[in-house]
Amino acid sequence: MTPRLIFVPGLGGGTLQHWYSLWQQKFGGVRVEQADWDAPTPEDWAAQLNETVKTETGDLILVGHSAGVLTIAHYAHRYPVPERVRGAILVAPADPEQPGVLEALRPMAPVPLQPLPFPALMIASENDPYSSFERAAAFAEAWEAELVTVGEAGHLNPASGHGVWEDGEILLGEALHAWTPPDIVRF
């Protein structure tokens, strides 16, 4: 059975035109809901992700964008992650320690830099205003995530032309294939 997707948005919670909203409509899954989309804290946002993981059944894939990527890292650092979390797609990580970053992201620092307890695919842009590519690569290395560059693609959101994001869907499909265990044949 294909794992269920858990979408972990960033600041503001996204729009209906955001690629992860479109993916949720197309592929199903559940979105983590935060009490305050404009004031992330590692404690609150990771706790909400933990509650969502606990209430969902079966195998899961986490799909995070921007501050949602940080939420996944904080969650993995703070909570025991069940084996049924098969992997994570980490798109356009925000860097709360970058000079000039949005003040609302600062509480998400410091970013945990321990390996993630599940396979992960980091998808990063080379001109993201919320994180340098070098910093995204450092996160990927620390988290033992595979890093894919999408070139100069901005923040991979609707403002950078990423509502419908077909290349992202291809990467999602490849990750799902790699992380989904084959059905066990019983005789």
C-alpha atoms as a PDB file:
ATOM      1  CA  MET A   1       0.000   0.000   0.000  1.00  0.00           C
ATOM      2  CA  THR A   2       1.284   3.490  -0.841  1.00  0.00           C
ATOM      3  CA  PRO A   3       2.233   5.554   2.235  1.00  0.00           C
ATOM      4  CA  ARG A   4      -0.059   8.400   3.254  1.00  0.00           C
ATOM      5  CA  LEU A   5       1.362  11.898   2.739  1.00  0.00           C
ATOM      6  CA  ILE A   6       1.552  14.329   5.656  1.00  0.00           C
ATOM      7  CA  PHE A   7       2.023  17.893   4.417  1.00  0.00           C
ATOM      8  CA  VAL A   8       3.964  20.243   6.695  1.00  0.00           C
ATOM      9  CA  PRO A   9       3.552  23.834   5.411  1.00  0.00           C
ATOM     10  CA  GLY A  10       5.699  26.812   6.311  1.00  0.00           C
ATOM     11  CA  LEU A  11       4.778  30.314   7.412  1.00  0.00           C
ATOM     12  CA  GLY A  12       1.210  31.314   6.696  1.00  0.00           C
ATOM     13  CA  GLY A  13       0.110  27.744   5.965  1.00  0.00           C
ATOM     14  CA  GLY A  14       0.217  28.178   2.193  1.00  0.00           C
ATOM     15  CA  THR A  15      -2.491  28.902  -0.354  1.00  0.00           C
ATOM     16  CA  LEU A  16      -4.726  26.731  -2.484  1.00  0.00           C
ATOM     17  CA  GLN A  17      -2.375  27.484  -5.422  1.00  0.00           C
ATOM     18  CA  HIS A  18       0.732  26.172  -3.613  1.00  0.00           C
ATOM     19  CA  TRP A  19       2.186  22.949  -5.038  1.00  0.00           C
ATOM     20  CA  TYR A  20       1.654  21.046  -1.778  1.00  0.00           C
ATOM     21  CA  SER A  21      -2.023  22.094  -1.691  1.00  0.00           C
ATOM     22  CA  LEU A  22      -2.360  20.861  -5.269  1.00  0.00           C
ATOM     23  CA  TRP A  23      -0.568  17.624  -4.349  1.00  0.00           C
ATOM     24  CA  GLN A  24      -2.907  17.103  -1.423  1.00  0.00           C
ATOM     25  CA  GLN A  25      -5.912  17.538  -3.740  1.00  0.00           C
ATOM     26  CA  LYS A  26      -4.385  15.176  -6.303  1.00  0.00           C
ATOM     27  CA  PHE A  27      -2.801  12.488  -4.103  1.00  0.00           C
ATOM     28  CA  GLY A  28      -4.729  12.784  -0.830  1.00  0.00           C
ATOM     29  CA  GLY A  29      -3.098  12.949   2.567  1.00  0.00           C
ATOM     30  CA  VAL A  30      -3.427  15.270   5.516  1.00  0.00           C
ATOM     31  CA  ARG A  31      -2.076  18.710   6.314  1.00  0.00           C
ATOM     32  CA  VAL A  32      -0.574  19.518   9.706  1.00  0.00           C
ATOM     33  CA  GLU A  33      -2.565  22.391  11.201  1.00  0.00           C
ATOM     34  CA  GLN A  34      -0.783  24.930  13.406  1.00  0.00           C
ATOM     35  CA  ALA A  35      -2.442  27.150  16.028  1.00  0.00           C
ATOM     36  CA  ASP A  36      -0.523  30.191  14.760  1.00  0.00           C
ATOM     37  CA  TRP A  37       0.737  30.063  11.182  1.00  0.00           C
ATOM     38  CA  ASP A  38       2.626  33.348  11.594  1.00  0.00           C
ATOM     39  CA  ALA A  39       4.627  32.552  14.763  1.00  0.00           C
ATOM     40  CA  PRO A  40       6.418  29.212  14.480  1.00  0.00           C
ATOM     41  CA  THR A  41       8.199  27.741  17.481  1.00  0.00           C
ATOM     42  CA  PRO A  42       9.979  24.398  17.497  1.00  0.00           C
ATOM     43  CA  GLU A  43       8.003  23.279  20.535  1.00  0.00           C
ATOM     44  CA  ASP A  44       4.533  24.046  19.179  1.00  0.00           C
ATOM     45  CA  TRP A  45       5.044  23.164  15.528  1.00  0.00           C
ATOM     46  CA  ALA A  46       6.906  19.893  16.229  1.00  0.00           C
ATOM     47  CA  ALA A  47       4.227  18.926  18.777  1.00  0.00           C
ATOM     48  CA  GLN A  48       1.497  19.422  16.152  1.00  0.00           C
ATOM     49  CA  LEU A  49       3.408  17.257  13.682  1.00  0.00           C
ATOM     50  CA  ASN A  50       3.859  14.596  16.376  1.00  0.00           C
ATOM     51  CA  GLU A  51       0.115  14.610  17.104  1.00  0.00           C
ATOM     52  CA  THR A  52      -0.677  14.278  13.393  1.00  0.00           C
ATOM     53  CA  VAL A  53       1.737  11.346  13.001  1.00  0.00           C
ATOM     54  CA  LYS A  54       0.205   9.650  16.059  1.00  0.00           C
ATOM     55  CA  THR A  55      -3.353   9.976  14.733  1.00  0.00           C
ATOM     56  CA  GLU A  56      -2.597   8.696  11.227  1.00  0.00           C
ATOM     57  CA  THR A  57      -2.364   4.969  10.557  1.00  0.00           C
ATOM     58  CA  GLY A  58      -0.159   3.015   8.204  1.00  0.00           C
ATOM     59  CA  ASP A  59       3.041   4.077   6.510  1.00  0.00           C
ATOM     60  CA  LEU A  60       3.652   7.815   6.180  1.00  0.00           C
ATOM     61  CA  ILE A  61       5.762  10.189   4.092  1.00  0.00           C
ATOM     62  CA  LEU A  62       6.367  13.700   5.456  1.00  0.00           C
ATOM     63  CA  VAL A  63       6.350  16.507   2.881  1.00  0.00           C
ATOM     64  CA  GLY A  64       7.696  19.812   4.219  1.00  0.00           C
ATOM     65  CA  HIS A  65       8.224  23.226   2.694  1.00  0.00           C
ATOM     66  CA  SER A  66      10.317  26.102   4.099  1.00  0.00           C
ATOM     67  CA  ALA A  67       9.629  26.373   7.859  1.00  0.00           C
ATOM     68  CA  GLY A  68       7.853  23.022   7.490  1.00  0.00           C
ATOM     69  CA  VAL A  69      11.256  21.475   6.745  1.00  0.00           C
ATOM     70  CA  LEU A  70      12.535  22.932  10.023  1.00  0.00           C
ATOM     71  CA  THR A  71       9.443  21.536  11.764  1.00  0.00           C
ATOM     72  CA  ILE A  72      10.318  18.046  10.502  1.00  0.00           C
ATOM     73  CA  ALA A  73      13.913  18.389  11.755  1.00  0.00           C
ATOM     74  CA  HIS A  74      12.729  19.593  15.176  1.00  0.00           C
ATOM     75  CA  TYR A  75      10.136  16.797  15.333  1.00  0.00           C
ATOM     76  CA  ALA A  76      12.759  14.130  14.569  1.00  0.00           C
ATOM     77  CA  HIS A  77      15.052  15.652  17.213  1.00  0.00           C
ATOM     78  CA  ARG A  78      12.368  15.903  19.953  1.00  0.00           C
ATOM     79  CA  TYR A  79      10.162  12.827  19.516  1.00  0.00           C
ATOM     80  CA  PRO A  80      10.583   9.096  18.986  1.00  0.00           C
ATOM     81  CA  VAL A  81       9.724   8.648  15.317  1.00  0.00           C
ATOM     82  CA  PRO A  82       7.774   5.471  14.515  1.00  0.00           C
ATOM     83  CA  GLU A  83       9.210   3.153  11.866  1.00  0.00           C
ATOM     84  CA  ARG A  84       6.092   3.692   9.774  1.00  0.00           C
ATOM     85  CA  VAL A  85       7.446   7.158   8.870  1.00  0.00           C
ATOM     86  CA  ARG A  86       9.070   5.865   5.690  1.00  0.00           C
ATOM     87  CA  GLY A  87      10.753   9.110   4.597  1.00  0.00           C
ATOM     88  CA  ALA A  88      10.532  12.853   4.057  1.00  0.00           C
ATOM     89  CA  ILE A  89      10.534  15.220   1.101  1.00  0.00           C
ATOM     90  CA  LEU A  90      12.214  18.439   2.283  1.00  0.00           C
ATOM     91  CA  VAL A  91      11.621  21.348  -0.111  1.00  0.00           C
ATOM     92  CA  ALA A  92      13.245  24.794   0.052  1.00  0.00           C
ATOM     93  CA  PRO A  93      14.368  24.756   3.691  1.00  0.00           C
ATOM     94  CA  ALA A  94      14.286  28.136   5.378  1.00  0.00           C
ATOM     95  CA  ASP A  95      17.391  29.161   7.324  1.00  0.00           C
ATOM     96  CA  PRO A  96      16.358  30.955  10.532  1.00  0.00           C
ATOM     97  CA  GLU A  97      19.991  31.908  11.178  1.00  0.00           C
ATOM     98  CA  GLN A  98      20.547  33.635   7.822  1.00  0.00           C
ATOM     99  CA  PRO A  99      21.087  37.404   8.045  1.00  0.00           C
ATOM    100  CA  GLY A 100      18.063  39.280   6.742  1.00  0.00           C
ATOM    101  CA  VAL A 101      15.683  36.332   7.050  1.00  0.00           C
ATOM    102  CA  LEU A 102      12.104  36.977   8.128  1.00  0.00           C
ATOM    103  CA  GLU A 103      12.019  37.766  11.834  1.00  0.00           C
ATOM    104  CA  ALA A 104       9.154  35.288  12.328  1.00  0.00           C
ATOM    105  CA  LEU A 105      11.537  32.424  11.439  1.00  0.00           C
ATOM    106  CA  ARG A 106      14.151  33.277  14.110  1.00  0.00           C
ATOM    107  CA  PRO A 107      12.489  31.192  16.885  1.00  0.00           C
ATOM    108  CA  MET A 108      13.109  28.056  14.779  1.00  0.00           C
ATOM    109  CA  ALA A 109      16.859  28.425  15.468  1.00  0.00           C
ATOM    110  CA  PRO A 110      19.029  26.637  16.175  1.00  0.00           C
ATOM    111  CA  VAL A 111      18.312  24.056  13.528  1.00  0.00           C
ATOM    112  CA  PRO A 112      18.927  20.481  14.726  1.00  0.00           C
ATOM    113  CA  LEU A 113      21.801  18.982  12.778  1.00  0.00           C
ATOM    114  CA  GLN A 114      21.522  15.304  13.732  1.00  0.00           C
ATOM    115  CA  PRO A 115      20.867  12.642  11.100  1.00  0.00           C
ATOM    116  CA  LEU A 116      17.172  12.067  10.464  1.00  0.00           C
ATOM    117  CA  PRO A 117      15.840   8.635  11.488  1.00  0.00           C
ATOM    118  CA  PHE A 118      14.302   8.068   8.041  1.00  0.00           C
ATOM    119  CA  PRO A 119      15.427   8.544   4.431  1.00  0.00           C
ATOM    120  CA  ALA A 120      15.018  12.076   3.144  1.00  0.00           C
ATOM    121  CA  LEU A 121      15.200  13.928  -0.141  1.00  0.00           C
ATOM    122  CA  MET A 122      16.187  17.609   0.059  1.00  0.00           C
ATOM    123  CA  ILE A 123      15.099  19.683  -2.938  1.00  0.00           C
ATOM    124  CA  ALA A 124      16.769  23.096  -2.958  1.00  0.00           C
ATOM    125  CA  SER A 125      17.062  26.119  -5.200  1.00  0.00           C
ATOM    126  CA  GLU A 126      20.336  27.913  -5.884  1.00  0.00           C
ATOM    127  CA  ASN A 127      18.762  31.369  -5.422  1.00  0.00           C
ATOM    128  CA  ASP A 128      16.282  30.845  -2.592  1.00  0.00           C
ATOM    129  CA  PRO A 129      15.866  34.144  -0.681  1.00  0.00           C
ATOM    130  CA  TYR A 130      15.226  32.248   2.582  1.00  0.00           C
ATOM    131  CA  SER A 131      18.322  30.037   2.507  1.00  0.00           C
ATOM    132  CA  SER A 132      21.567  29.947   0.620  1.00  0.00           C
ATOM    133  CA  PHE A 133      22.170  26.804  -1.405  1.00  0.00           C
ATOM    134  CA  GLU A 134      25.310  26.195   0.661  1.00  0.00           C
ATOM    135  CA  ARG A 135      23.264  26.202   3.866  1.00  0.00           C
ATOM    136  CA  ALA A 136      20.625  23.889   2.339  1.00  0.00           C
ATOM    137  CA  ALA A 137      23.452  21.546   1.320  1.00  0.00           C
ATOM    138  CA  ALA A 138      24.838  21.663   4.880  1.00  0.00           C
ATOM    139  CA  PHE A 139      21.398  20.747   6.242  1.00  0.00           C
ATOM    140  CA  ALA A 140      21.158  17.864   3.761  1.00  0.00           C
ATOM    141  CA  GLU A 141      24.591  16.583   4.751  1.00  0.00           C
ATOM    142  CA  ALA A 142      23.863  16.813   8.495  1.00  0.00           C
ATOM    143  CA  TRP A 143      20.471  15.114   8.077  1.00  0.00           C
ATOM    144  CA  GLU A 144      21.954  12.464   5.720  1.00  0.00           C
ATOM    145  CA  ALA A 145      19.428  13.491   3.083  1.00  0.00           C
ATOM    146  CA  GLU A 146      19.938  13.142  -0.648  1.00  0.00           C
ATOM    147  CA  LEU A 147      20.287  16.627  -2.166  1.00  0.00           C
ATOM    148  CA  VAL A 148      18.716  17.617  -5.488  1.00  0.00           C
ATOM    149  CA  THR A 149      19.200  21.085  -6.934  1.00  0.00           C
ATOM    150  CA  VAL A 150      16.508  22.595  -9.121  1.00  0.00           C
ATOM    151  CA  GLY A 151      18.794  25.372 -10.326  1.00  0.00           C
ATOM    152  CA  GLU A 152      17.712  28.971  -9.861  1.00  0.00           C
ATOM    153  CA  ALA A 153      14.061  28.426  -8.951  1.00  0.00           C
ATOM    154  CA  GLY A 154      13.464  30.876  -6.110  1.00  0.00           C
ATOM    155  CA  HIS A 155      11.630  29.636  -3.017  1.00  0.00           C
ATOM    156  CA  LEU A 156       9.677  26.922  -4.857  1.00  0.00           C
ATOM    157  CA  ASN A 157       6.325  28.520  -4.107  1.00  0.00           C
ATOM    158  CA  PRO A 158       3.591  30.154  -6.218  1.00  0.00           C
ATOM    159  CA  ALA A 159       5.496  33.475  -6.239  1.00  0.00           C
ATOM    160  CA  SER A 160       8.392  31.716  -8.015  1.00  0.00           C
ATOM    161  CA  GLY A 161       6.044  29.985 -10.473  1.00  0.00           C
ATOM    162  CA  HIS A 162       5.660  26.729  -8.548  1.00  0.00           C
ATOM    163  CA  GLY A 163       1.960  26.113  -8.225  1.00  0.00           C
ATOM    164  CA  VAL A 164       1.679  23.086 -10.474  1.00  0.00           C
ATOM    165  CA  TRP A 165       5.148  21.558 -10.096  1.00  0.00           C
ATOM    166  CA  GLU A 166       5.499  18.573 -12.409  1.00  0.00           C
ATOM    167  CA  ASP A 167       9.213  18.031 -11.750  1.00  0.00           C
ATOM    168  CA  GLY A 168       8.422  17.873  -8.033  1.00  0.00           C
ATOM    169  CA  GLU A 169       5.751  15.253  -8.700  1.00  0.00           C
ATOM    170  CA  ILE A 170       8.331  13.144 -10.522  1.00  0.00           C
ATOM    171  CA  LEU A 171      10.701  13.380  -7.540  1.00  0.00           C
ATOM    172  CA  LEU A 172       7.834  12.491  -5.188  1.00  0.00           C
ATOM    173  CA  GLY A 173       6.996   9.433  -7.306  1.00  0.00           C
ATOM    174  CA  GLU A 174      10.623   8.279  -7.303  1.00  0.00           C
ATOM    175  CA  ALA A 175      10.867   8.707  -3.524  1.00  0.00           C
ATOM    176  CA  LEU A 176       7.593   6.855  -2.934  1.00  0.00           C
ATOM    177  CA  HIS A 177       8.840   3.991  -5.084  1.00  0.00           C
ATOM    178  CA  ALA A 178      12.165   3.833  -3.234  1.00  0.00           C
ATOM    179  CA  TRP A 179      10.681   4.082   0.273  1.00  0.00           C
ATOM    180  CA  THR A 180       7.613   1.876  -0.096  1.00  0.00           C
ATOM    181  CA  PRO A 181       8.335  -1.686   0.945  1.00  0.00           C
ATOM    182  CA  PRO A 182       7.262  -4.313  -1.574  1.00  0.00           C
ATOM    183  CA  ASP A 183       4.187  -6.309  -0.653  1.00  0.00           C
ATOM    184  CA  ILE A 184       5.167  -9.496   1.094  1.00  0.00           C
ATOM    185  CA  VAL A 185       3.943 -12.543  -0.757  1.00  0.00           C
ATOM    186  CA  ARG A 186       2.693 -15.242   1.627  1.00  0.00           C
ATOM    187  CA  PHE A 187       2.086 -18.864   0.676  1.00  0.00           C
END
